[in-house]
Amino acid sequence: VSSKLDEIQDILNNPRLTQSRELYREALRSYKRGFYEEALADCLGAIEKNKTDYISWYLLGLIYLYGAGENSNVINLDKAEEALTNAAKYIKPDIAKSKEAKLFASDIYYNLGFSRLAKSNDYLIENKVDDSNTKLLESEEASSMAYQLSQENLLARYEQAKELHFLGKDDESIKLLEELIRAEKTFALKAINDK
């Protein structure tokens, strides 16, 4: 009873935090249903109420990174990278305190790496080779960090192997792929089918 009363007191003392959480939950519901414009509006509202909420920043990054569907397209790689960078910044104090935060940070860095890889590809299409290589290096750093935070995040390691290949570091890439295949045989099929 005492802890419930303390919880209620916290809610009453922090109405902005309560509003932020409700907006986040609504944004997540919309995101899962493919209503990306609505998810975007609610997520931006959640961040406005609580500027250091890494969970909302993470969702905002996902919306900008994957938010294309039947009814809308809000994909913006620059904004995705900015949101995920903020999520990574704001989660840092919690990483040392909580295993869950460390795992969550691994997902943040994985998606940050993916957003940078996509941007690197856009630069390459625009024939901006130097910008592409810079973004590719940043992508590899983020994927490496994702794996350092959680060795269970094998997809981050796989992305890192791809990024090393694109950087012309095939020996390092092959070494990572061999480690991955030993850990999880399905990565052999993934590598074979990956163009």
N, C-alpha and C. Protein backbone atom coordinates (compact mmCIF):
# COMPACT_ATOMS: atom_id res chain seq x y z
N VAL A 1 0.83 -1.19 0.00
CA VAL A 1 0.00 0.00 0.00
C VAL A 1 0.87 1.25 0.00
N SER A 2 1.92 1.20 0.81
CA SER A 2 2.81 2.36 0.90
C SER A 2 3.47 2.66 -0.45
N SER A 3 3.94 1.62 -1.13
CA SER A 3 4.60 1.85 -2.42
C SER A 3 3.60 2.36 -3.46
N LYS A 4 2.36 1.88 -3.41
CA LYS A 4 1.33 2.37 -4.32
C LYS A 4 1.01 3.84 -4.05
N LEU A 5 0.96 4.21 -2.78
CA LEU A 5 0.73 5.61 -2.44
C LEU A 5 1.89 6.49 -2.92
N ASP A 6 3.11 5.99 -2.77
CA ASP A 6 4.27 6.73 -3.27
C ASP A 6 4.20 6.89 -4.78
N GLU A 7 3.76 5.83 -5.47
CA GLU A 7 3.63 5.87 -6.92
C GLU A 7 2.59 6.90 -7.34
N ILE A 8 1.46 6.93 -6.65
CA ILE A 8 0.41 7.91 -6.94
C ILE A 8 0.93 9.32 -6.68
N GLN A 9 1.67 9.48 -5.59
CA GLN A 9 2.25 10.79 -5.25
C GLN A 9 3.21 11.25 -6.35
N ASP A 10 4.03 10.32 -6.86
CA ASP A 10 4.95 10.66 -7.95
C ASP A 10 4.18 11.14 -9.18
N ILE A 11 3.09 10.45 -9.50
CA ILE A 11 2.28 10.84 -10.65
C ILE A 11 1.71 12.24 -10.46
N LEU A 12 1.18 12.50 -9.27
CA LEU A 12 0.60 13.80 -9.00
C LEU A 12 1.65 14.91 -9.03
N ASN A 13 2.87 14.58 -8.61
CA ASN A 13 3.94 15.58 -8.58
C ASN A 13 4.61 15.78 -9.93
N ASN A 14 4.38 14.87 -10.88
CA ASN A 14 5.04 14.92 -12.19
C ASN A 14 4.03 14.81 -13.33
N PRO A 15 3.13 15.77 -13.47
CA PRO A 15 2.12 15.64 -14.53
C PRO A 15 2.70 15.63 -15.93
N ARG A 16 3.81 16.36 -16.14
CA ARG A 16 4.43 16.36 -17.48
C ARG A 16 4.97 14.98 -17.83
N LEU A 17 5.54 14.30 -16.86
CA LEU A 17 6.04 12.95 -17.10
C LEU A 17 4.88 12.01 -17.43
N THR A 18 3.78 12.15 -16.71
CA THR A 18 2.60 11.33 -16.97
C THR A 18 2.06 11.61 -18.37
N GLN A 19 2.00 12.88 -18.75
CA GLN A 19 1.53 13.23 -20.10
C GLN A 19 2.48 12.68 -21.16
N SER A 20 3.77 12.76 -20.89
CA SER A 20 4.76 12.24 -21.83
C SER A 20 4.58 10.74 -22.04
N ARG A 21 4.39 10.00 -20.96
CA ARG A 21 4.21 8.55 -21.04
C ARG A 21 2.96 8.20 -21.84
N GLU A 22 1.88 8.94 -21.62
CA GLU A 22 0.63 8.67 -22.34
C GLU A 22 0.79 8.94 -23.84
N LEU A 23 1.46 10.05 -24.17
CA LEU A 23 1.73 10.35 -25.58
C LEU A 23 2.62 9.28 -26.20
N TYR A 24 3.62 8.82 -25.46
CA TYR A 24 4.49 7.75 -25.96
C TYR A 24 3.68 6.49 -26.25
N ARG A 25 2.82 6.10 -25.30
CA ARG A 25 2.02 4.89 -25.50
C ARG A 25 1.11 5.02 -26.72
N GLU A 26 0.54 6.19 -26.92
CA GLU A 26 -0.31 6.40 -28.09
C GLU A 26 0.53 6.35 -29.37
N ALA A 27 1.72 6.94 -29.33
CA ALA A 27 2.61 6.90 -30.50
C ALA A 27 3.00 5.46 -30.83
N LEU A 28 3.29 4.68 -29.81
CA LEU A 28 3.66 3.28 -30.04
C LEU A 28 2.51 2.50 -30.65
N ARG A 29 1.30 2.73 -30.14
CA ARG A 29 0.11 2.05 -30.71
C ARG A 29 -0.04 2.41 -32.19
N SER A 30 0.08 3.67 -32.50
CA SER A 30 -0.06 4.11 -33.90
C SER A 30 1.05 3.54 -34.76
N TYR A 31 2.27 3.52 -34.25
CA TYR A 31 3.41 2.98 -35.00
C TYR A 31 3.18 1.50 -35.34
N LYS A 32 2.75 0.74 -34.35
CA LYS A 32 2.52 -0.70 -34.57
C LYS A 32 1.40 -0.95 -35.58
N ARG A 33 0.47 -0.01 -35.69
CA ARG A 33 -0.65 -0.16 -36.61
C ARG A 33 -0.35 0.44 -37.99
N GLY A 34 0.82 1.03 -38.15
CA GLY A 34 1.20 1.60 -39.44
C GLY A 34 0.70 3.00 -39.69
N PHE A 35 0.26 3.70 -38.64
CA PHE A 35 -0.17 5.09 -38.75
C PHE A 35 1.00 5.99 -38.36
N TYR A 36 1.93 6.16 -39.29
CA TYR A 36 3.21 6.79 -38.98
C TYR A 36 3.11 8.29 -38.74
N GLU A 37 2.25 8.97 -39.45
CA GLU A 37 2.11 10.41 -39.22
C GLU A 37 1.55 10.68 -37.83
N GLU A 38 0.56 9.89 -37.42
CA GLU A 38 -0.01 10.04 -36.09
C GLU A 38 1.01 9.68 -35.02
N ALA A 39 1.77 8.60 -35.27
CA ALA A 39 2.82 8.19 -34.33
C ALA A 39 3.86 9.29 -34.19
N LEU A 40 4.21 9.89 -35.30
CA LEU A 40 5.21 10.96 -35.29
C LEU A 40 4.73 12.15 -34.44
N ALA A 41 3.50 12.56 -34.65
CA ALA A 41 2.96 13.71 -33.90
C ALA A 41 2.95 13.43 -32.40
N ASP A 42 2.48 12.25 -32.01
CA ASP A 42 2.43 11.93 -30.58
C ASP A 42 3.82 11.77 -29.98
N CYS A 43 4.73 11.19 -30.73
CA CYS A 43 6.09 10.99 -30.22
C CYS A 43 6.80 12.34 -30.03
N LEU A 44 6.61 13.24 -30.96
CA LEU A 44 7.19 14.58 -30.81
C LEU A 44 6.59 15.27 -29.59
N GLY A 45 5.30 15.06 -29.34
CA GLY A 45 4.65 15.62 -28.15
C GLY A 45 5.23 15.04 -26.88
N ALA A 46 5.50 13.73 -26.88
CA ALA A 46 6.09 13.09 -25.70
C ALA A 46 7.47 13.67 -25.39
N ILE A 47 8.25 13.90 -26.43
CA ILE A 47 9.60 14.45 -26.24
C ILE A 47 9.52 15.90 -25.77
N GLU A 48 8.53 16.63 -26.26
CA GLU A 48 8.35 18.02 -25.82
C GLU A 48 8.09 18.08 -24.31
N LYS A 49 7.37 17.08 -23.79
CA LYS A 49 7.06 17.03 -22.36
C LYS A 49 8.24 16.53 -21.52
N ASN A 50 9.10 15.70 -22.13
CA ASN A 50 10.22 15.10 -21.39
C ASN A 50 11.40 14.95 -22.35
N LYS A 51 12.23 15.98 -22.41
CA LYS A 51 13.27 16.07 -23.43
C LYS A 51 14.40 15.05 -23.31
N THR A 52 14.53 14.41 -22.15
CA THR A 52 15.62 13.45 -21.97
C THR A 52 15.12 12.00 -21.93
N ASP A 53 13.92 11.75 -22.41
CA ASP A 53 13.33 10.41 -22.40
C ASP A 53 13.86 9.59 -23.58
N TYR A 54 14.84 8.75 -23.30
CA TYR A 54 15.47 8.00 -24.39
C TYR A 54 14.51 7.01 -25.04
N ILE A 55 13.50 6.57 -24.32
CA ILE A 55 12.54 5.64 -24.91
C ILE A 55 11.75 6.34 -26.02
N SER A 56 11.33 7.56 -25.78
CA SER A 56 10.62 8.32 -26.81
C SER A 56 11.54 8.69 -27.97
N TRP A 57 12.78 9.07 -27.65
CA TRP A 57 13.74 9.38 -28.72
C TRP A 57 13.98 8.14 -29.59
N TYR A 58 14.06 6.97 -28.96
CA TYR A 58 14.27 5.73 -29.72
C TYR A 58 13.09 5.49 -30.66
N LEU A 59 11.87 5.60 -30.14
CA LEU A 59 10.70 5.39 -30.99
C LEU A 59 10.67 6.41 -32.13
N LEU A 60 11.02 7.65 -31.82
CA LEU A 60 11.08 8.67 -32.88
C LEU A 60 12.06 8.26 -33.97
N GLY A 61 13.22 7.73 -33.56
CA GLY A 61 14.19 7.25 -34.53
C GLY A 61 13.64 6.14 -35.40
N LEU A 62 12.92 5.21 -34.78
CA LEU A 62 12.32 4.11 -35.55
C LEU A 62 11.27 4.62 -36.52
N ILE A 63 10.47 5.58 -36.08
CA ILE A 63 9.44 6.15 -36.96
C ILE A 63 10.10 6.77 -38.19
N TYR A 64 11.14 7.56 -37.97
CA TYR A 64 11.82 8.20 -39.09
C TYR A 64 12.59 7.19 -39.95
N LEU A 65 13.02 6.09 -39.37
CA LEU A 65 13.82 5.11 -40.10
C LEU A 65 12.96 4.13 -40.88
N TYR A 66 11.85 3.68 -40.31
CA TYR A 66 11.04 2.63 -40.93
C TYR A 66 9.62 3.07 -41.27
N GLY A 67 9.28 4.34 -41.08
CA GLY A 67 7.90 4.81 -41.15
C GLY A 67 7.33 5.00 -42.54
N ALA A 68 7.28 3.95 -43.32
CA ALA A 68 6.63 4.02 -44.63
C ALA A 68 5.61 2.89 -44.71
N GLY A 69 4.43 3.24 -45.19
CA GLY A 69 3.40 2.23 -45.30
C GLY A 69 2.37 2.62 -46.33
N GLU A 70 1.26 1.95 -46.24
CA GLU A 70 0.18 2.15 -47.21
C GLU A 70 -0.36 3.58 -47.19
N ASN A 71 -0.43 4.18 -46.03
CA ASN A 71 -1.07 5.48 -45.90
C ASN A 71 -0.12 6.67 -45.77
N SER A 72 1.15 6.42 -45.49
CA SER A 72 2.06 7.55 -45.29
C SER A 72 3.51 7.11 -45.42
N ASN A 73 4.35 8.11 -45.54
CA ASN A 73 5.80 7.88 -45.58
C ASN A 73 6.46 9.06 -44.86
N VAL A 74 6.99 8.80 -43.68
CA VAL A 74 7.66 9.85 -42.91
C VAL A 74 9.15 9.58 -42.77
N ILE A 75 9.67 8.69 -43.61
CA ILE A 75 11.09 8.34 -43.51
C ILE A 75 11.95 9.58 -43.77
N ASN A 76 12.90 9.78 -42.86
CA ASN A 76 13.86 10.88 -42.96
C ASN A 76 15.13 10.40 -42.25
N LEU A 77 16.13 9.99 -43.02
CA LEU A 77 17.33 9.39 -42.45
C LEU A 77 18.11 10.35 -41.56
N ASP A 78 18.15 11.63 -41.93
CA ASP A 78 18.86 12.60 -41.08
C ASP A 78 18.19 12.72 -39.72
N LYS A 79 16.86 12.82 -39.72
CA LYS A 79 16.13 12.93 -38.46
C LYS A 79 16.18 11.62 -37.67
N ALA A 80 16.21 10.49 -38.37
CA ALA A 80 16.34 9.20 -37.68
C ALA A 80 17.67 9.13 -36.94
N GLU A 81 18.74 9.53 -37.62
CA GLU A 81 20.05 9.51 -36.99
C GLU A 81 20.11 10.47 -35.79
N GLU A 82 19.52 11.65 -35.95
CA GLU A 82 19.51 12.62 -34.85
C GLU A 82 18.75 12.07 -33.64
N ALA A 83 17.59 11.48 -33.87
CA ALA A 83 16.78 10.94 -32.77
C ALA A 83 17.50 9.78 -32.08
N LEU A 84 18.08 8.89 -32.86
CA LEU A 84 18.78 7.74 -32.27
C LEU A 84 20.05 8.17 -31.55
N THR A 85 20.71 9.20 -32.05
CA THR A 85 21.89 9.75 -31.36
C THR A 85 21.47 10.32 -30.01
N ASN A 86 20.33 11.01 -29.98
CA ASN A 86 19.83 11.53 -28.71
C ASN A 86 19.45 10.40 -27.75
N ALA A 87 18.83 9.36 -28.27
CA ALA A 87 18.48 8.21 -27.42
C ALA A 87 19.75 7.62 -26.81
N ALA A 88 20.80 7.48 -27.63
CA ALA A 88 22.07 6.93 -27.13
C ALA A 88 22.68 7.85 -26.06
N LYS A 89 22.58 9.14 -26.27
CA LYS A 89 23.12 10.09 -25.30
C LYS A 89 22.39 10.01 -23.96
N TYR A 90 21.08 9.98 -24.02
CA TYR A 90 20.30 10.04 -22.79
C TYR A 90 20.24 8.72 -22.02
N ILE A 91 20.56 7.61 -22.68
CA ILE A 91 20.54 6.33 -21.97
C ILE A 91 21.88 6.06 -21.26
N LYS A 92 22.93 6.76 -21.64
CA LYS A 92 24.27 6.48 -21.10
C LYS A 92 24.32 6.37 -19.58
N PRO A 93 23.72 7.29 -18.81
CA PRO A 93 23.81 7.16 -17.35
C PRO A 93 23.18 5.88 -16.81
N ASP A 94 22.20 5.33 -17.51
CA ASP A 94 21.51 4.13 -17.03
C ASP A 94 22.19 2.83 -17.42
N ILE A 95 23.10 2.88 -18.39
CA ILE A 95 23.74 1.65 -18.87
C ILE A 95 24.49 0.93 -17.75
N ALA A 96 25.21 1.67 -16.94
CA ALA A 96 26.00 1.05 -15.87
C ALA A 96 25.12 0.53 -14.73
N LYS A 97 23.91 1.05 -14.61
CA LYS A 97 23.03 0.71 -13.50
C LYS A 97 22.13 -0.48 -13.77
N SER A 98 21.86 -0.76 -15.04
CA SER A 98 20.82 -1.72 -15.36
C SER A 98 21.18 -2.57 -16.57
N LYS A 99 21.02 -3.88 -16.43
CA LYS A 99 21.25 -4.79 -17.56
C LYS A 99 20.24 -4.52 -18.67
N GLU A 100 18.99 -4.22 -18.28
CA GLU A 100 17.95 -3.93 -19.26
C GLU A 100 18.30 -2.69 -20.08
N ALA A 101 18.83 -1.66 -19.41
CA ALA A 101 19.23 -0.45 -20.12
C ALA A 101 20.37 -0.75 -21.08
N LYS A 102 21.27 -1.61 -20.68
CA LYS A 102 22.40 -1.99 -21.55
C LYS A 102 21.89 -2.70 -22.80
N LEU A 103 20.92 -3.61 -22.64
CA LEU A 103 20.34 -4.31 -23.78
C LEU A 103 19.58 -3.34 -24.68
N PHE A 104 18.85 -2.42 -24.06
CA PHE A 104 18.11 -1.43 -24.82
C PHE A 104 19.07 -0.54 -25.60
N ALA A 105 20.17 -0.15 -24.97
CA ALA A 105 21.18 0.67 -25.64
C ALA A 105 21.77 -0.07 -26.84
N SER A 106 21.92 -1.37 -26.71
CA SER A 106 22.42 -2.17 -27.84
C SER A 106 21.48 -2.04 -29.04
N ASP A 107 20.18 -2.09 -28.80
CA ASP A 107 19.20 -1.92 -29.88
C ASP A 107 19.26 -0.51 -30.46
N ILE A 108 19.45 0.47 -29.59
CA ILE A 108 19.55 1.85 -30.06
C ILE A 108 20.74 1.97 -31.02
N TYR A 109 21.90 1.47 -30.61
CA TYR A 109 23.09 1.57 -31.45
C TYR A 109 22.97 0.75 -32.73
N TYR A 110 22.28 -0.40 -32.65
CA TYR A 110 22.07 -1.20 -33.87
C TYR A 110 21.29 -0.39 -34.90
N ASN A 111 20.20 0.22 -34.48
CA ASN A 111 19.39 1.00 -35.41
C ASN A 111 20.10 2.28 -35.84
N LEU A 112 20.91 2.86 -34.96
CA LEU A 112 21.71 4.02 -35.34
C LEU A 112 22.68 3.63 -36.46
N GLY A 113 23.33 2.48 -36.31
CA GLY A 113 24.22 2.00 -37.35
C GLY A 113 23.50 1.77 -38.67
N PHE A 114 22.30 1.19 -38.57
CA PHE A 114 21.51 0.92 -39.77
C PHE A 114 21.11 2.22 -40.47
N SER A 115 20.73 3.24 -39.68
CA SER A 115 20.35 4.53 -40.28
C SER A 115 21.55 5.16 -40.99
N ARG A 116 22.72 5.03 -40.38
CA ARG A 116 23.92 5.60 -41.00
C ARG A 116 24.32 4.82 -42.25
N LEU A 117 24.13 3.52 -42.24
CA LEU A 117 24.42 2.71 -43.43
C LEU A 117 23.50 3.11 -44.58
N ALA A 118 22.23 3.31 -44.28
CA ALA A 118 21.28 3.74 -45.31
C ALA A 118 21.67 5.11 -45.86
N LYS A 119 22.08 6.01 -44.98
CA LYS A 119 22.51 7.34 -45.43
C LYS A 119 23.78 7.25 -46.27
N SER A 120 24.69 6.36 -45.89
CA SER A 120 25.90 6.14 -46.68
C SER A 120 25.53 5.70 -48.09
N ASN A 121 24.55 4.84 -48.20
CA ASN A 121 24.10 4.37 -49.51
C ASN A 121 23.50 5.52 -50.32
N ASP A 122 22.71 6.38 -49.67
CA ASP A 122 22.15 7.54 -50.36
C ASP A 122 23.26 8.44 -50.90
N TYR A 123 24.28 8.68 -50.09
CA TYR A 123 25.41 9.49 -50.55
C TYR A 123 26.10 8.85 -51.74
N LEU A 124 26.22 7.53 -51.71
CA LEU A 124 26.87 6.82 -52.81
C LEU A 124 26.07 6.98 -54.10
N ILE A 125 24.76 6.89 -54.00
CA ILE A 125 23.89 7.08 -55.17
C ILE A 125 24.04 8.50 -55.72
N GLU A 126 24.24 9.47 -54.82
CA GLU A 126 24.43 10.87 -55.22
C GLU A 126 25.86 11.15 -55.67
N ASN A 127 26.68 10.11 -55.70
CA ASN A 127 28.09 10.21 -56.10
C ASN A 127 28.92 11.07 -55.16
N LYS A 128 28.55 11.08 -53.88
CA LYS A 128 29.31 11.78 -52.84
C LYS A 128 30.11 10.73 -52.07
N VAL A 129 31.18 10.28 -52.68
CA VAL A 129 31.94 9.14 -52.17
C VAL A 129 32.56 9.42 -50.81
N ASP A 130 33.13 10.61 -50.61
CA ASP A 130 33.75 10.93 -49.32
C ASP A 130 32.71 10.95 -48.20
N ASP A 131 31.55 11.57 -48.46
CA ASP A 131 30.48 11.59 -47.46
C ASP A 131 29.99 10.17 -47.17
N SER A 132 29.90 9.36 -48.21
CA SER A 132 29.46 7.98 -48.05
C SER A 132 30.43 7.20 -47.16
N ASN A 133 31.72 7.36 -47.40
CA ASN A 133 32.71 6.64 -46.59
C ASN A 133 32.72 7.11 -45.14
N THR A 134 32.56 8.41 -44.93
CA THR A 134 32.50 8.94 -43.57
C THR A 134 31.32 8.34 -42.82
N LYS A 135 30.15 8.33 -43.47
CA LYS A 135 28.94 7.79 -42.85
C LYS A 135 29.09 6.29 -42.63
N LEU A 136 29.77 5.61 -43.52
CA LEU A 136 30.01 4.17 -43.38
C LEU A 136 30.89 3.87 -42.17
N LEU A 137 31.93 4.69 -41.96
CA LEU A 137 32.77 4.53 -40.77
C LEU A 137 31.95 4.73 -39.49
N GLU A 138 31.08 5.75 -39.49
CA GLU A 138 30.23 6.00 -38.34
C GLU A 138 29.25 4.84 -38.11
N SER A 139 28.79 4.26 -39.19
CA SER A 139 27.88 3.12 -39.11
C SER A 139 28.57 1.92 -38.46
N GLU A 140 29.79 1.66 -38.88
CA GLU A 140 30.55 0.54 -38.33
C GLU A 140 30.82 0.74 -36.84
N GLU A 141 31.11 1.99 -36.45
CA GLU A 141 31.33 2.29 -35.03
C GLU A 141 30.08 2.01 -34.20
N ALA A 142 28.91 2.41 -34.72
CA ALA A 142 27.66 2.19 -34.00
C ALA A 142 27.34 0.70 -33.89
N SER A 143 27.55 -0.05 -34.97
CA SER A 143 27.30 -1.50 -34.94
C SER A 143 28.24 -2.19 -33.96
N SER A 144 29.49 -1.75 -33.95
CA SER A 144 30.46 -2.30 -33.01
C SER A 144 30.03 -2.03 -31.56
N MET A 145 29.56 -0.82 -31.29
CA MET A 145 29.10 -0.46 -29.95
C MET A 145 27.88 -1.30 -29.56
N ALA A 146 26.99 -1.53 -30.51
CA ALA A 146 25.80 -2.35 -30.23
C ALA A 146 26.22 -3.74 -29.78
N TYR A 147 27.20 -4.31 -30.45
CA TYR A 147 27.66 -5.65 -30.09
C TYR A 147 28.44 -5.64 -28.77
N GLN A 148 29.21 -4.59 -28.53
CA GLN A 148 29.93 -4.50 -27.25
C GLN A 148 28.96 -4.45 -26.07
N LEU A 149 27.85 -3.76 -26.27
CA LEU A 149 26.86 -3.66 -25.20
C LEU A 149 26.11 -4.97 -24.96
N SER A 150 25.95 -5.76 -26.00
CA SER A 150 25.28 -7.06 -25.86
C SER A 150 25.80 -8.03 -26.91
N GLN A 151 26.55 -9.03 -26.45
CA GLN A 151 27.04 -10.05 -27.37
C GLN A 151 25.91 -10.95 -27.87
N GLU A 152 24.72 -10.77 -27.34
CA GLU A 152 23.55 -11.48 -27.85
C GLU A 152 23.00 -10.82 -29.12
N ASN A 153 23.40 -9.61 -29.38
CA ASN A 153 22.92 -8.87 -30.55
C ASN A 153 23.77 -9.26 -31.76
N LEU A 154 23.52 -10.47 -32.25
CA LEU A 154 24.30 -10.98 -33.37
C LEU A 154 24.02 -10.24 -34.67
N LEU A 155 22.82 -9.69 -34.80
CA LEU A 155 22.52 -8.90 -36.00
C LEU A 155 23.42 -7.66 -36.10
N ALA A 156 23.75 -7.08 -34.96
CA ALA A 156 24.66 -5.93 -34.96
C ALA A 156 26.03 -6.36 -35.46
N ARG A 157 26.46 -7.52 -35.04
CA ARG A 157 27.76 -8.04 -35.48
C ARG A 157 27.74 -8.32 -36.98
N TYR A 158 26.62 -8.84 -37.45
CA TYR A 158 26.47 -9.11 -38.89
C TYR A 158 26.53 -7.80 -39.69
N GLU A 159 25.82 -6.78 -39.21
CA GLU A 159 25.87 -5.48 -39.88
C GLU A 159 27.29 -4.93 -39.88
N GLN A 160 28.00 -5.12 -38.78
CA GLN A 160 29.38 -4.65 -38.70
C GLN A 160 30.24 -5.37 -39.74
N ALA A 161 30.02 -6.67 -39.91
CA ALA A 161 30.78 -7.42 -40.92
C ALA A 161 30.51 -6.86 -42.32
N LYS A 162 29.25 -6.55 -42.61
CA LYS A 162 28.91 -5.95 -43.91
C LYS A 162 29.60 -4.60 -44.08
N GLU A 163 29.56 -3.80 -43.05
CA GLU A 163 30.16 -2.46 -43.12
C GLU A 163 31.67 -2.55 -43.32
N LEU A 164 32.31 -3.50 -42.65
CA LEU A 164 33.75 -3.69 -42.85
C LEU A 164 34.04 -4.10 -44.29
N HIS A 165 33.18 -4.94 -44.85
CA HIS A 165 33.34 -5.33 -46.26
C HIS A 165 33.24 -4.10 -47.17
N PHE A 166 32.22 -3.27 -46.94
CA PHE A 166 32.05 -2.07 -47.75
C PHE A 166 33.22 -1.11 -47.61
N LEU A 167 33.89 -1.16 -46.45
CA LEU A 167 35.06 -0.31 -46.22
C LEU A 167 36.33 -0.91 -46.81
N GLY A 168 36.22 -2.08 -47.42
CA GLY A 168 37.37 -2.74 -48.03
C GLY A 168 38.21 -3.52 -47.04
N LYS A 169 37.66 -3.83 -45.87
CA LYS A 169 38.38 -4.57 -44.84
C LYS A 169 37.85 -6.00 -44.79
N ASP A 170 38.08 -6.71 -45.91
CA ASP A 170 37.48 -8.04 -46.06
C ASP A 170 38.02 -9.07 -45.07
N ASP A 171 39.31 -8.97 -44.70
CA ASP A 171 39.85 -9.93 -43.73
C ASP A 171 39.12 -9.83 -42.39
N GLU A 172 38.90 -8.59 -41.93
CA GLU A 172 38.16 -8.40 -40.67
C GLU A 172 36.71 -8.84 -40.82
N SER A 173 36.12 -8.55 -41.96
CA SER A 173 34.74 -8.93 -42.22
C SER A 173 34.56 -10.44 -42.19
N ILE A 174 35.44 -11.16 -42.86
CA ILE A 174 35.36 -12.62 -42.91
C ILE A 174 35.55 -13.22 -41.53
N LYS A 175 36.47 -12.65 -40.75
CA LYS A 175 36.68 -13.13 -39.38
C LYS A 175 35.41 -13.02 -38.56
N LEU A 176 34.72 -11.87 -38.66
CA LEU A 176 33.46 -11.69 -37.93
C LEU A 176 32.39 -12.66 -38.42
N LEU A 177 32.31 -12.85 -39.73
CA LEU A 177 31.32 -13.78 -40.28
C LEU A 177 31.58 -15.22 -39.80
N GLU A 178 32.84 -15.61 -39.74
CA GLU A 178 33.17 -16.95 -39.24
C GLU A 178 32.74 -17.11 -37.79
N GLU A 179 32.98 -16.08 -36.97
CA GLU A 179 32.54 -16.12 -35.57
C GLU A 179 31.02 -16.24 -35.48
N LEU A 180 30.34 -15.46 -36.30
CA LEU A 180 28.87 -15.49 -36.29
C LEU A 180 28.32 -16.86 -36.68
N ILE A 181 28.88 -17.43 -37.72
CA ILE A 181 28.40 -18.73 -38.21
C ILE A 181 28.65 -19.81 -37.17
N ARG A 182 29.77 -19.72 -36.46
CA ARG A 182 30.01 -20.68 -35.38
C ARG A 182 28.98 -20.52 -34.25
N ALA A 183 28.60 -19.27 -33.98
CA ALA A 183 27.63 -18.99 -32.91
C ALA A 183 26.21 -19.34 -33.35
N GLU A 184 25.89 -19.09 -34.60
CA GLU A 184 24.52 -19.30 -35.11
C GLU A 184 24.61 -19.66 -36.59
N LYS A 185 24.37 -20.92 -36.90
CA LYS A 185 24.55 -21.43 -38.26
C LYS A 185 23.69 -20.73 -39.31
N THR A 186 22.56 -20.19 -38.91
CA THR A 186 21.68 -19.53 -39.88
C THR A 186 22.33 -18.30 -40.52
N PHE A 187 23.38 -17.78 -39.91
CA PHE A 187 24.07 -16.65 -40.53
C PHE A 187 24.80 -17.07 -41.81
N ALA A 188 25.08 -18.35 -41.97
CA ALA A 188 25.67 -18.84 -43.22
C ALA A 188 24.69 -18.62 -44.36
N LEU A 189 23.42 -18.97 -44.13
CA LEU A 189 22.38 -18.77 -45.15
C LEU A 189 22.14 -17.28 -45.39
N LYS A 190 22.14 -16.52 -44.31
CA LYS A 190 21.94 -15.08 -44.43
C LYS A 190 23.03 -14.46 -45.29
N ALA A 191 24.28 -14.86 -45.06
CA ALA A 191 25.41 -14.30 -45.81
C ALA A 191 25.33 -14.71 -47.28
N ILE A 192 24.93 -15.95 -47.54
CA ILE A 192 24.84 -16.43 -48.93
C ILE A 192 23.78 -15.65 -49.70
N ASN A 193 22.67 -15.35 -49.03
CA ASN A 193 21.54 -14.70 -49.71
C ASN A 193 21.61 -13.17 -49.70
N ASP A 194 22.60 -12.61 -49.00
CA ASP A 194 22.71 -11.15 -48.91
C ASP A 194 23.51 -10.61 -50.09
N LYS A 195 22.85 -9.80 -50.90
CA LYS A 195 23.53 -9.25 -52.08
C LYS A 195 24.64 -8.31 -51.70
